[in-house]
Amino acid sequence: MAEDGPRQDPKSPQDARLASLDERLARAQATEAERTGGSRPWEKVPGSKDPGMRILSVLIGYPLGSALIGWGVDRWVGTNWVVLAMLFLGFGAAGWEVWKISQAGRDSAPGKE
């Protein structure tokens, strides 16, 4: 039976190139942590996570969620325009939230004390 790919024997000695790469990576990470103070600017804001992921989730979730609510209202009431209105409302709310996220990141930027 064919294997999925090459595998390393766990008992074999580690390749010297990999050991050197691991050492260089550890030194670079330590230097970067020392240079930046050990954290990213958005980590200084309490309760925040990576702003890129927050913005992505807002830009997808708000319009999608509001359109889903609008579709449900349309089905319940028997209209066909509420979904469109809710979709635009979702895009507006997403834009507002992205603006707030960007302002929070600017307030906690290094050198703004």
PDB file of N, CA and C in Angstrom:
ATOM      1  N   MET A   1       0.835  -1.169   0.000  1.00  0.00           N
ATOM      2  CA  MET A   1       0.000   0.000   0.000  1.00  0.00           C
ATOM      3  C   MET A   1       0.884   1.237   0.000  1.00  0.00           C
ATOM      4  N   ALA A   2       0.572   2.202  -0.850  1.00  0.00           N
ATOM      5  CA  ALA A   2       1.381   3.410  -0.986  1.00  0.00           C
ATOM      6  C   ALA A   2       1.114   4.354   0.172  1.00  0.00           C
ATOM      7  N   GLU A   3       2.182   5.033   0.594  1.00  0.00           N
ATOM      8  CA  GLU A   3       2.049   6.002   1.668  1.00  0.00           C
ATOM      9  C   GLU A   3       1.592   7.350   1.120  1.00  0.00           C
ATOM     10  N   ASP A   4       1.051   8.189   1.999  1.00  0.00           N
ATOM     11  CA  ASP A   4       0.589   9.510   1.581  1.00  0.00           C
ATOM     12  C   ASP A   4       1.744  10.426   1.188  1.00  0.00           C
ATOM     13  N   GLY A   5       2.850  10.282   1.799  1.00  0.00           N
ATOM     14  CA  GLY A   5       3.992  11.133   1.503  1.00  0.00           C
ATOM     15  C   GLY A   5       5.186  10.678   2.313  1.00  0.00           C
ATOM     16  N   PRO A   6       6.327  11.313   2.105  1.00  0.00           N
ATOM     17  CA  PRO A   6       7.518  10.931   2.865  1.00  0.00           C
ATOM     18  C   PRO A   6       7.346  11.251   4.341  1.00  0.00           C
ATOM     19  N   ARG A   7       7.746  10.346   5.146  1.00  0.00           N
ATOM     20  CA  ARG A   7       7.641  10.540   6.593  1.00  0.00           C
ATOM     21  C   ARG A   7       9.034  10.421   7.205  1.00  0.00           C
ATOM     22  N   GLN A   8       9.229  11.129   8.296  1.00  0.00           N
ATOM     23  CA  GLN A   8      10.502  11.089   8.982  1.00  0.00           C
ATOM     24  C   GLN A   8      10.430  10.075  10.104  1.00  0.00           C
ATOM     25  N   ASP A   9      11.497   9.360  10.268  1.00  0.00           N
ATOM     26  CA  ASP A   9      11.585   8.396  11.361  1.00  0.00           C
ATOM     27  C   ASP A   9      11.751   9.187  12.656  1.00  0.00           C
ATOM     28  N   PRO A  10      10.865   8.986  13.644  1.00  0.00           N
ATOM     29  CA  PRO A  10      10.965   9.779  14.869  1.00  0.00           C
ATOM     30  C   PRO A  10      12.258   9.540  15.633  1.00  0.00           C
ATOM     31  N   LYS A  11      12.930   8.430  15.385  1.00  0.00           N
ATOM     32  CA  LYS A  11      14.166   8.130  16.106  1.00  0.00           C
ATOM     33  C   LYS A  11      15.399   8.683  15.389  1.00  0.00           C
ATOM     34  N   SER A  12      15.245   9.180  14.156  1.00  0.00           N
ATOM     35  CA  SER A  12      16.402   9.671  13.410  1.00  0.00           C
ATOM     36  C   SER A  12      16.812  11.041  13.953  1.00  0.00           C
ATOM     37  N   PRO A  13      18.100  11.375  13.851  1.00  0.00           N
ATOM     38  CA  PRO A  13      18.559  12.673  14.351  1.00  0.00           C
ATOM     39  C   PRO A  13      17.986  13.801  13.483  1.00  0.00           C
ATOM     40  N   GLN A  14      17.784  14.943  14.117  1.00  0.00           N
ATOM     41  CA  GLN A  14      17.214  16.087  13.412  1.00  0.00           C
ATOM     42  C   GLN A  14      18.232  16.636  12.424  1.00  0.00           C
ATOM     43  N   ASP A  15      17.752  17.045  11.284  1.00  0.00           N
ATOM     44  CA  ASP A  15      18.602  17.620  10.248  1.00  0.00           C
ATOM     45  C   ASP A  15      19.222  18.912  10.773  1.00  0.00           C
ATOM     46  N   ALA A  16      20.492  19.122  10.519  1.00  0.00           N
ATOM     47  CA  ALA A  16      21.191  20.306  11.012  1.00  0.00           C
ATOM     48  C   ALA A  16      20.609  21.582  10.409  1.00  0.00           C
ATOM     49  N   ARG A  17      20.127  21.510   9.175  1.00  0.00           N
ATOM     50  CA  ARG A  17      19.543  22.692   8.553  1.00  0.00           C
ATOM     51  C   ARG A  17      18.260  23.110   9.275  1.00  0.00           C
ATOM     52  N   LEU A  18      17.455  22.124   9.672  1.00  0.00           N
ATOM     53  CA  LEU A  18      16.226  22.441  10.396  1.00  0.00           C
ATOM     54  C   LEU A  18      16.524  23.028  11.769  1.00  0.00           C
ATOM     55  N   ALA A  19      17.533  22.482  12.434  1.00  0.00           N
ATOM     56  CA  ALA A  19      17.908  23.009  13.742  1.00  0.00           C
ATOM     57  C   ALA A  19      18.384  24.456  13.618  1.00  0.00           C
ATOM     58  N   SER A  20      19.175  24.738  12.580  1.00  0.00           N
ATOM     59  CA  SER A  20      19.660  26.096  12.357  1.00  0.00           C
ATOM     60  C   SER A  20      18.501  27.041  12.052  1.00  0.00           C
ATOM     61  N   LEU A  21      17.554  26.577  11.254  1.00  0.00           N
ATOM     62  CA  LEU A  21      16.389  27.387  10.925  1.00  0.00           C
ATOM     63  C   LEU A  21      15.544  27.680  12.163  1.00  0.00           C
ATOM     64  N   ASP A  22      15.370  26.675  13.019  1.00  0.00           N
ATOM     65  CA  ASP A  22      14.619  26.877  14.258  1.00  0.00           C
ATOM     66  C   ASP A  22      15.296  27.912  15.159  1.00  0.00           C
ATOM     67  N   GLU A  23      16.615  27.852  15.251  1.00  0.00           N
ATOM     68  CA  GLU A  23      17.350  28.814  16.078  1.00  0.00           C
ATOM     69  C   GLU A  23      17.210  30.231  15.524  1.00  0.00           C
ATOM     70  N   ARG A  24      17.348  30.381  14.206  1.00  0.00           N
ATOM     71  CA  ARG A  24      17.228  31.698  13.583  1.00  0.00           C
ATOM     72  C   ARG A  24      15.818  32.257  13.751  1.00  0.00           C
ATOM     73  N   LEU A  25      14.814  31.391  13.626  1.00  0.00           N
ATOM     74  CA  LEU A  25      13.434  31.824  13.801  1.00  0.00           C
ATOM     75  C   LEU A  25      13.185  32.289  15.239  1.00  0.00           C
ATOM     76  N   ALA A  26      13.693  31.559  16.208  1.00  0.00           N
ATOM     77  CA  ALA A  26      13.525  31.938  17.612  1.00  0.00           C
ATOM     78  C   ALA A  26      14.202  33.274  17.895  1.00  0.00           C
ATOM     79  N   ARG A  27      15.391  33.488  17.338  1.00  0.00           N
ATOM     80  CA  ARG A  27      16.089  34.765  17.531  1.00  0.00           C
ATOM     81  C   ARG A  27      15.322  35.916  16.887  1.00  0.00           C
ATOM     82  N   ALA A  28      14.798  35.691  15.684  1.00  0.00           N
ATOM     83  CA  ALA A  28      14.043  36.741  14.995  1.00  0.00           C
ATOM     84  C   ALA A  28      12.769  37.081  15.753  1.00  0.00           C
ATOM     85  N   GLN A  29      12.083  36.072  16.286  1.00  0.00           N
ATOM     86  CA  GLN A  29      10.860  36.330  17.049  1.00  0.00           C
ATOM     87  C   GLN A  29      11.171  37.085  18.339  1.00  0.00           C
ATOM     88  N   ALA A  30      12.270  36.734  18.991  1.00  0.00           N
ATOM     89  CA  ALA A  30      12.649  37.434  20.218  1.00  0.00           C
ATOM     90  C   ALA A  30      13.013  38.892  19.923  1.00  0.00           C
ATOM     91  N   THR A  31      13.722  39.119  18.830  1.00  0.00           N
ATOM     92  CA  THR A  31      14.096  40.482  18.442  1.00  0.00           C
ATOM     93  C   THR A  31      12.854  41.303  18.118  1.00  0.00           C
ATOM     94  N   GLU A  32      11.923  40.717  17.388  1.00  0.00           N
ATOM     95  CA  GLU A  32      10.692  41.430  17.025  1.00  0.00           C
ATOM     96  C   GLU A  32       9.841  41.729  18.264  1.00  0.00           C
ATOM     97  N   ALA A  33       9.755  40.779  19.186  1.00  0.00           N
ATOM     98  CA  ALA A  33       8.983  41.006  20.407  1.00  0.00           C
ATOM     99  C   ALA A  33       9.615  42.120  21.238  1.00  0.00           C
ATOM    100  N   GLU A  34      10.947  42.172  21.263  1.00  0.00           N
ATOM    101  CA  GLU A  34      11.638  43.224  22.004  1.00  0.00           C
ATOM    102  C   GLU A  34      11.429  44.582  21.329  1.00  0.00           C
ATOM    103  N   ARG A  35      11.461  44.603  19.996  1.00  0.00           N
ATOM    104  CA  ARG A  35      11.315  45.844  19.249  1.00  0.00           C
ATOM    105  C   ARG A  35       9.907  46.426  19.399  1.00  0.00           C
ATOM    106  N   THR A  36       8.883  45.578  19.358  1.00  0.00           N
ATOM    107  CA  THR A  36       7.498  46.051  19.408  1.00  0.00           C
ATOM    108  C   THR A  36       6.927  46.080  20.816  1.00  0.00           C
ATOM    109  N   GLY A  37       7.686  45.682  21.777  1.00  0.00           N
ATOM    110  CA  GLY A  37       7.178  45.670  23.149  1.00  0.00           C
ATOM    111  C   GLY A  37       6.404  44.404  23.461  1.00  0.00           C
ATOM    112  N   GLY A  38       6.473  43.419  22.612  1.00  0.00           N
ATOM    113  CA  GLY A  38       5.858  42.126  22.878  1.00  0.00           C
ATOM    114  C   GLY A  38       4.414  41.994  22.477  1.00  0.00           C
ATOM    115  N   SER A  39       3.804  43.046  21.932  1.00  0.00           N
ATOM    116  CA  SER A  39       2.405  42.918  21.538  1.00  0.00           C
ATOM    117  C   SER A  39       2.122  43.798  20.332  1.00  0.00           C
ATOM    118  N   ARG A  40       1.017  43.524  19.696  1.00  0.00           N
ATOM    119  CA  ARG A  40       0.562  44.323  18.564  1.00  0.00           C
ATOM    120  C   ARG A  40      -0.327  45.441  19.090  1.00  0.00           C
ATOM    121  N   PRO A  41      -0.453  46.553  18.362  1.00  0.00           N
ATOM    122  CA  PRO A  41      -1.205  47.698  18.883  1.00  0.00           C
ATOM    123  C   PRO A  41      -2.645  47.377  19.254  1.00  0.00           C
ATOM    124  N   TRP A  42      -3.321  46.536  18.480  1.00  0.00           N
ATOM    125  CA  TRP A  42      -4.728  46.266  18.777  1.00  0.00           C
ATOM    126  C   TRP A  42      -4.894  45.367  19.993  1.00  0.00           C
ATOM    127  N   GLU A  43      -3.814  44.728  20.451  1.00  0.00           N
ATOM    128  CA  GLU A  43      -3.909  43.901  21.648  1.00  0.00           C
ATOM    129  C   GLU A  43      -3.976  44.763  22.907  1.00  0.00           C
ATOM    130  N   LYS A  44      -3.666  46.046  22.785  1.00  0.00           N
ATOM    131  CA  LYS A  44      -3.721  46.936  23.941  1.00  0.00           C
ATOM    132  C   LYS A  44      -5.140  47.386  24.235  1.00  0.00           C
ATOM    133  N   VAL A  45      -6.031  47.243  23.252  1.00  0.00           N
ATOM    134  CA  VAL A  45      -7.429  47.606  23.450  1.00  0.00           C
ATOM    135  C   VAL A  45      -8.115  46.430  24.128  1.00  0.00           C
ATOM    136  N   PRO A  46      -8.718  46.621  25.296  1.00  0.00           N
ATOM    137  CA  PRO A  46      -9.339  45.506  25.996  1.00  0.00           C
ATOM    138  C   PRO A  46     -10.483  44.894  25.187  1.00  0.00           C
ATOM    139  N   GLY A  47     -10.515  43.578  25.154  1.00  0.00           N
ATOM    140  CA  GLY A  47     -11.596  42.861  24.482  1.00  0.00           C
ATOM    141  C   GLY A  47     -11.508  42.844  22.974  1.00  0.00           C
ATOM    142  N   SER A  48     -10.380  43.235  22.395  1.00  0.00           N
ATOM    143  CA  SER A  48     -10.283  43.265  20.937  1.00  0.00           C
ATOM    144  C   SER A  48      -9.487  42.073  20.441  1.00  0.00           C
ATOM    145  N   LYS A  49      -9.716  41.751  19.176  1.00  0.00           N
ATOM    146  CA  LYS A  49      -8.933  40.712  18.519  1.00  0.00           C
ATOM    147  C   LYS A  49      -8.395  41.306  17.232  1.00  0.00           C
ATOM    148  N   ASP A  50      -7.874  40.501  16.377  1.00  0.00           N
ATOM    149  CA  ASP A  50      -7.294  40.984  15.136  1.00  0.00           C
ATOM    150  C   ASP A  50      -8.328  41.818  14.375  1.00  0.00           C
ATOM    151  N   PRO A  51      -8.031  43.084  14.090  1.00  0.00           N
ATOM    152  CA  PRO A  51      -9.037  43.937  13.460  1.00  0.00           C
ATOM    153  C   PRO A  51      -9.433  43.472  12.062  1.00  0.00           C
ATOM    154  N   GLY A  52      -8.538  42.826  11.358  1.00  0.00           N
ATOM    155  CA  GLY A  52      -8.884  42.331  10.028  1.00  0.00           C
ATOM    156  C   GLY A  52      -9.980  41.285  10.085  1.00  0.00           C
ATOM    157  N   MET A  53      -9.899  40.397  11.050  1.00  0.00           N
ATOM    158  CA  MET A  53     -10.934  39.370  11.183  1.00  0.00           C
ATOM    159  C   MET A  53     -12.248  39.983  11.667  1.00  0.00           C
ATOM    160  N   ARG A  54     -12.174  40.976  12.540  1.00  0.00           N
ATOM    161  CA  ARG A  54     -13.392  41.643  12.996  1.00  0.00           C
ATOM    162  C   ARG A  54     -14.090  42.340  11.838  1.00  0.00           C
ATOM    163  N   ILE A  55     -13.311  43.047  11.010  1.00  0.00           N
ATOM    164  CA  ILE A  55     -13.884  43.766   9.878  1.00  0.00           C
ATOM    165  C   ILE A  55     -14.496  42.788   8.881  1.00  0.00           C
ATOM    166  N   LEU A  56     -13.794  41.691   8.608  1.00  0.00           N
ATOM    167  CA  LEU A  56     -14.321  40.693   7.677  1.00  0.00           C
ATOM    168  C   LEU A  56     -15.634  40.106   8.185  1.00  0.00           C
ATOM    169  N   SER A  57     -15.684  39.772   9.460  1.00  0.00           N
ATOM    170  CA  SER A  57     -16.914  39.192   9.996  1.00  0.00           C
ATOM    171  C   SER A  57     -18.060  40.195   9.988  1.00  0.00           C
ATOM    172  N   VAL A  58     -17.762  41.469  10.216  1.00  0.00           N
ATOM    173  CA  VAL A  58     -18.804  42.497  10.183  1.00  0.00           C
ATOM    174  C   VAL A  58     -19.306  42.696   8.756  1.00  0.00           C
ATOM    175  N   LEU A  59     -18.387  42.766   7.790  1.00  0.00           N
ATOM    176  CA  LEU A  59     -18.786  43.015   6.405  1.00  0.00           C
ATOM    177  C   LEU A  59     -19.586  41.864   5.805  1.00  0.00           C
ATOM    178  N   ILE A  60     -19.403  40.674   6.319  1.00  0.00           N
ATOM    179  CA  ILE A  60     -20.179  39.528   5.836  1.00  0.00           C
ATOM    180  C   ILE A  60     -21.429  39.329   6.690  1.00  0.00           C
ATOM    181  N   GLY A  61     -21.274  39.404   7.989  1.00  0.00           N
ATOM    182  CA  GLY A  61     -22.361  39.048   8.894  1.00  0.00           C
ATOM    183  C   GLY A  61     -23.508  40.037   8.960  1.00  0.00           C
ATOM    184  N   TYR A  62     -23.216  41.327   9.009  1.00  0.00           N
ATOM    185  CA  TYR A  62     -24.285  42.311   9.136  1.00  0.00           C
ATOM    186  C   TYR A  62     -25.232  42.300   7.939  1.00  0.00           C
ATOM    187  N   PRO A  63     -24.723  42.415   6.688  1.00  0.00           N
ATOM    188  CA  PRO A  63     -25.661  42.388   5.561  1.00  0.00           C
ATOM    189  C   PRO A  63     -26.381  41.049   5.415  1.00  0.00           C
ATOM    190  N   LEU A  64     -25.651  39.962   5.640  1.00  0.00           N
ATOM    191  CA  LEU A  64     -26.260  38.642   5.501  1.00  0.00           C
ATOM    192  C   LEU A  64     -27.345  38.421   6.564  1.00  0.00           C
ATOM    193  N   GLY A  65     -27.045  38.789   7.792  1.00  0.00           N
ATOM    194  CA  GLY A  65     -28.015  38.617   8.873  1.00  0.00           C
ATOM    195  C   GLY A  65     -29.237  39.500   8.695  1.00  0.00           C
ATOM    196  N   SER A  66     -29.012  40.747   8.298  1.00  0.00           N
ATOM    197  CA  SER A  66     -30.159  41.637   8.118  1.00  0.00           C
ATOM    198  C   SER A  66     -31.000  41.223   6.915  1.00  0.00           C
ATOM    199  N   ALA A  67     -30.364  40.727   5.837  1.00  0.00           N
ATOM    200  CA  ALA A  67     -31.127  40.246   4.686  1.00  0.00           C
ATOM    201  C   ALA A  67     -31.942  39.015   5.061  1.00  0.00           C
ATOM    202  N   LEU A  68     -31.388  38.165   5.898  1.00  0.00           N
ATOM    203  CA  LEU A  68     -32.120  36.982   6.352  1.00  0.00           C
ATOM    204  C   LEU A  68     -33.347  37.388   7.187  1.00  0.00           C
ATOM    205  N   ILE A  69     -33.170  38.359   8.053  1.00  0.00           N
ATOM    206  CA  ILE A  69     -34.306  38.858   8.838  1.00  0.00           C
ATOM    207  C   ILE A  69     -35.350  39.487   7.909  1.00  0.00           C
ATOM    208  N   GLY A  70     -34.895  40.268   6.928  1.00  0.00           N
ATOM    209  CA  GLY A  70     -35.811  40.881   5.975  1.00  0.00           C
ATOM    210  C   GLY A  70     -36.568  39.844   5.154  1.00  0.00           C
ATOM    211  N   TRP A  71     -35.889  38.779   4.770  1.00  0.00           N
ATOM    212  CA  TRP A  71     -36.547  37.710   4.016  1.00  0.00           C
ATOM    213  C   TRP A  71     -37.641  37.060   4.877  1.00  0.00           C
ATOM    214  N   GLY A  72     -37.319  36.844   6.156  1.00  0.00           N
ATOM    215  CA  GLY A  72     -38.307  36.266   7.058  1.00  0.00           C
ATOM    216  C   GLY A  72     -39.521  37.160   7.233  1.00  0.00           C
ATOM    217  N   VAL A  73     -39.281  38.466   7.363  1.00  0.00           N
ATOM    218  CA  VAL A  73     -40.392  39.409   7.481  1.00  0.00           C
ATOM    219  C   VAL A  73     -41.209  39.418   6.191  1.00  0.00           C
ATOM    220  N   ASP A  74     -40.535  39.392   5.040  1.00  0.00           N
ATOM    221  CA  ASP A  74     -41.239  39.347   3.749  1.00  0.00           C
ATOM    222  C   ASP A  74     -42.136  38.122   3.648  1.00  0.00           C
ATOM    223  N   ARG A  75     -41.638  36.987   4.061  1.00  0.00           N
ATOM    224  CA  ARG A  75     -42.429  35.754   3.996  1.00  0.00           C
ATOM    225  C   ARG A  75     -43.626  35.831   4.951  1.00  0.00           C
ATOM    226  N   TRP A  76     -43.427  36.441   6.111  1.00  0.00           N
ATOM    227  CA  TRP A  76     -44.466  36.495   7.131  1.00  0.00           C
ATOM    228  C   TRP A  76     -45.558  37.503   6.752  1.00  0.00           C
ATOM    229  N   VAL A  77     -45.145  38.680   6.263  1.00  0.00           N
ATOM    230  CA  VAL A  77     -46.091  39.740   5.951  1.00  0.00           C
ATOM    231  C   VAL A  77     -46.660  39.601   4.542  1.00  0.00           C
ATOM    232  N   GLY A  78     -45.898  38.986   3.641  1.00  0.00           N
ATOM    233  CA  GLY A  78     -46.358  38.822   2.274  1.00  0.00           C
ATOM    234  C   GLY A  78     -45.926  39.934   1.343  1.00  0.00           C
ATOM    235  N   THR A  79     -44.845  40.626   1.689  1.00  0.00           N
ATOM    236  CA  THR A  79     -44.314  41.682   0.823  1.00  0.00           C
ATOM    237  C   THR A  79     -43.070  41.167   0.115  1.00  0.00           C
ATOM    238  N   ASN A  80     -42.447  42.028  -0.680  1.00  0.00           N
ATOM    239  CA  ASN A  80     -41.207  41.613  -1.327  1.00  0.00           C
ATOM    240  C   ASN A  80     -40.165  42.727  -1.343  1.00  0.00           C
ATOM    241  N   TRP A  81     -40.290  43.743  -0.515  1.00  0.00           N
ATOM    242  CA  TRP A  81     -39.335  44.834  -0.505  1.00  0.00           C
ATOM    243  C   TRP A  81     -38.570  44.954   0.815  1.00  0.00           C
ATOM    244  N   VAL A  82     -39.000  44.302   1.850  1.00  0.00           N
ATOM    245  CA  VAL A  82     -38.352  44.430   3.159  1.00  0.00           C
ATOM    246  C   VAL A  82     -36.929  43.847   3.117  1.00  0.00           C
ATOM    247  N   VAL A  83     -36.744  42.767   2.372  1.00  0.00           N
ATOM    248  CA  VAL A  83     -35.423  42.160   2.293  1.00  0.00           C
ATOM    249  C   VAL A  83     -34.410  43.147   1.705  1.00  0.00           C
ATOM    250  N   LEU A  84     -34.799  43.905   0.704  1.00  0.00           N
ATOM    251  CA  LEU A  84     -33.907  44.887   0.094  1.00  0.00           C
ATOM    252  C   LEU A  84     -33.595  46.021   1.068  1.00  0.00           C
ATOM    253  N   ALA A  85     -34.611  46.507   1.763  1.00  0.00           N
ATOM    254  CA  ALA A  85     -34.397  47.567   2.746  1.00  0.00           C
ATOM    255  C   ALA A  85     -33.477  47.090   3.874  1.00  0.00           C
ATOM    256  N   MET A  86     -33.695  45.875   4.332  1.00  0.00           N
ATOM    257  CA  MET A  86     -32.846  45.337   5.411  1.00  0.00           C
ATOM    258  C   MET A  86     -31.418  45.105   4.931  1.00  0.00           C
ATOM    259  N   LEU A  87     -31.249  44.723   3.667  1.00  0.00           N
ATOM    260  CA  LEU A  87     -29.910  44.530   3.117  1.00  0.00           C
ATOM    261  C   LEU A  87     -29.145  45.848   3.123  1.00  0.00           C
ATOM    262  N   PHE A  88     -29.781  46.925   2.678  1.00  0.00           N
ATOM    263  CA  PHE A  88     -29.131  48.235   2.704  1.00  0.00           C
ATOM    264  C   PHE A  88     -28.860  48.692   4.136  1.00  0.00           C
ATOM    265  N   LEU A  89     -29.769  48.410   5.025  1.00  0.00           N
ATOM    266  CA  LEU A  89     -29.561  48.740   6.432  1.00  0.00           C
ATOM    267  C   LEU A  89     -28.351  47.967   6.991  1.00  0.00           C
ATOM    268  N   GLY A  90     -28.226  46.709   6.602  1.00  0.00           N
ATOM    269  CA  GLY A  90     -27.084  45.899   7.034  1.00  0.00           C
ATOM    270  C   GLY A  90     -25.765  46.443   6.519  1.00  0.00           C
ATOM    271  N   PHE A  91     -25.741  46.883   5.252  1.00  0.00           N
ATOM    272  CA  PHE A  91     -24.514  47.477   4.705  1.00  0.00           C
ATOM    273  C   PHE A  91     -24.175  48.785   5.426  1.00  0.00           C
ATOM    274  N   GLY A  92     -25.176  49.568   5.731  1.00  0.00           N
ATOM    275  CA  GLY A  92     -24.931  50.807   6.470  1.00  0.00           C
ATOM    276  C   GLY A  92     -24.397  50.543   7.866  1.00  0.00           C
ATOM    277  N   ALA A  93     -24.986  49.577   8.544  1.00  0.00           N
ATOM    278  CA  ALA A  93     -24.519  49.230   9.891  1.00  0.00           C
ATOM    279  C   ALA A  93     -23.104  48.664   9.845  1.00  0.00           C
ATOM    280  N   ALA A  94     -22.798  47.884   8.805  1.00  0.00           N
ATOM    281  CA  ALA A  94     -21.443  47.328   8.667  1.00  0.00           C
ATOM    282  C   ALA A  94     -20.432  48.444   8.434  1.00  0.00           C
ATOM    283  N   GLY A  95     -20.783  49.404   7.595  1.00  0.00           N
ATOM    284  CA  GLY A  95     -19.882  50.533   7.365  1.00  0.00           C
ATOM    285  C   GLY A  95     -19.628  51.326   8.631  1.00  0.00           C
ATOM    286  N   TRP A  96     -20.670  51.546   9.406  1.00  0.00           N
ATOM    287  CA  TRP A  96     -20.531  52.263  10.678  1.00  0.00           C
ATOM    288  C   TRP A  96     -19.621  51.494  11.641  1.00  0.00           C
ATOM    289  N   GLU A  97     -19.814  50.185  11.715  1.00  0.00           N
ATOM    290  CA  GLU A  97     -19.004  49.365  12.620  1.00  0.00           C
ATOM    291  C   GLU A  97     -17.540  49.335  12.185  1.00  0.00           C
ATOM    292  N   VAL A  98     -17.287  49.253  10.878  1.00  0.00           N
ATOM    293  CA  VAL A  98     -15.906  49.282  10.377  1.00  0.00           C
ATOM    294  C   VAL A  98     -15.265  50.612  10.722  1.00  0.00           C
ATOM    295  N   TRP A  99     -16.010  51.696  10.599  1.00  0.00           N
ATOM    296  CA  TRP A  99     -15.479  53.008  10.957  1.00  0.00           C
ATOM    297  C   TRP A  99     -15.122  53.056  12.443  1.00  0.00           C
ATOM    298  N   LYS A 100     -15.985  52.504  13.297  1.00  0.00           N
ATOM    299  CA  LYS A 100     -15.693  52.479  14.735  1.00  0.00           C
ATOM    300  C   LYS A 100     -14.463  51.630  15.041  1.00  0.00           C
ATOM    301  N   ILE A 101     -14.303  50.502  14.356  1.00  0.00           N
ATOM    302  CA  ILE A 101     -13.131  49.650  14.564  1.00  0.00           C
ATOM    303  C   ILE A 101     -11.863  50.393  14.157  1.00  0.00           C
ATOM    304  N   SER A 102     -11.931  51.105  13.044  1.00  0.00           N
ATOM    305  CA  SER A 102     -10.742  51.839  12.592  1.00  0.00           C
ATOM    306  C   SER A 102     -10.392  52.974  13.551  1.00  0.00           C
ATOM    307  N   GLN A 103     -11.383  53.622  14.127  1.00  0.00           N
ATOM    308  CA  GLN A 103     -11.117  54.688  15.081  1.00  0.00           C
ATOM    309  C   GLN A 103     -10.545  54.139  16.383  1.00  0.00           C
ATOM    310  N   ALA A 104     -10.996  52.979  16.809  1.00  0.00           N
ATOM    311  CA  ALA A 104     -10.458  52.369  18.032  1.00  0.00           C
ATOM    312  C   ALA A 104      -9.008  51.970  17.827  1.00  0.00           C
ATOM    313  N   GLY A 105      -8.651  51.502  16.633  1.00  0.00           N
ATOM    314  CA  GLY A 105      -7.267  51.146  16.337  1.00  0.00           C
ATOM    315  C   GLY A 105      -6.370  52.359  16.306  1.00  0.00           C
ATOM    316  N   ARG A 106      -6.896  53.481  15.824  1.00  0.00           N
ATOM    317  CA  ARG A 106      -6.098  54.691  15.745  1.00  0.00           C
ATOM    318  C   ARG A 106      -5.836  55.267  17.129  1.00  0.00           C
ATOM    319  N   ASP A 107      -6.816  55.169  18.026  1.00  0.00           N
ATOM    320  CA  ASP A 107      -6.664  55.694  19.388  1.00  0.00           C
ATOM    321  C   ASP A 107      -5.623  54.942  20.192  1.00  0.00           C
ATOM    322  N   SER A 108      -5.435  53.639  19.874  1.00  0.00           N
ATOM    323  CA  SER A 108      -4.484  52.846  20.660  1.00  0.00           C
ATOM    324  C   SER A 108      -3.158  52.667  19.940  1.00  0.00           C
ATOM    325  N   ALA A 109      -2.926  53.421  18.855  1.00  0.00           N
ATOM    326  CA  ALA A 109      -1.680  53.285  18.107  1.00  0.00           C
ATOM    327  C   ALA A 109      -0.505  53.760  18.961  1.00  0.00           C
ATOM    328  N   PRO A 110       0.679  53.144  18.733  1.00  0.00           N
ATOM    329  CA  PRO A 110       1.856  53.568  19.494  1.00  0.00           C
ATOM    330  C   PRO A 110       2.201  55.028  19.196  1.00  0.00           C
ATOM    331  N   GLY A 111       2.648  55.756  20.185  1.00  0.00           N
ATOM    332  CA  GLY A 111       3.031  57.139  20.019  1.00  0.00           C
ATOM    333  C   GLY A 111       1.881  58.110  20.179  1.00  0.00           C
ATOM    334  N   LYS A 112       0.704  57.634  20.434  1.00  0.00           N
ATOM    335  CA  LYS A 112      -0.472  58.503  20.598  1.00  0.00           C
ATOM    336  C   LYS A 112      -0.829  58.531  22.080  1.00  0.00           C
ATOM    337  N   GLU A 113      -0.003  59.151  22.852  1.00  0.00           N
ATOM    338  CA  GLU A 113      -0.210  59.164  24.304  1.00  0.00           C
ATOM    339  C   GLU A 113      -0.315  60.549  24.835  1.00  0.00           C
TER     340      GLU A 113
END
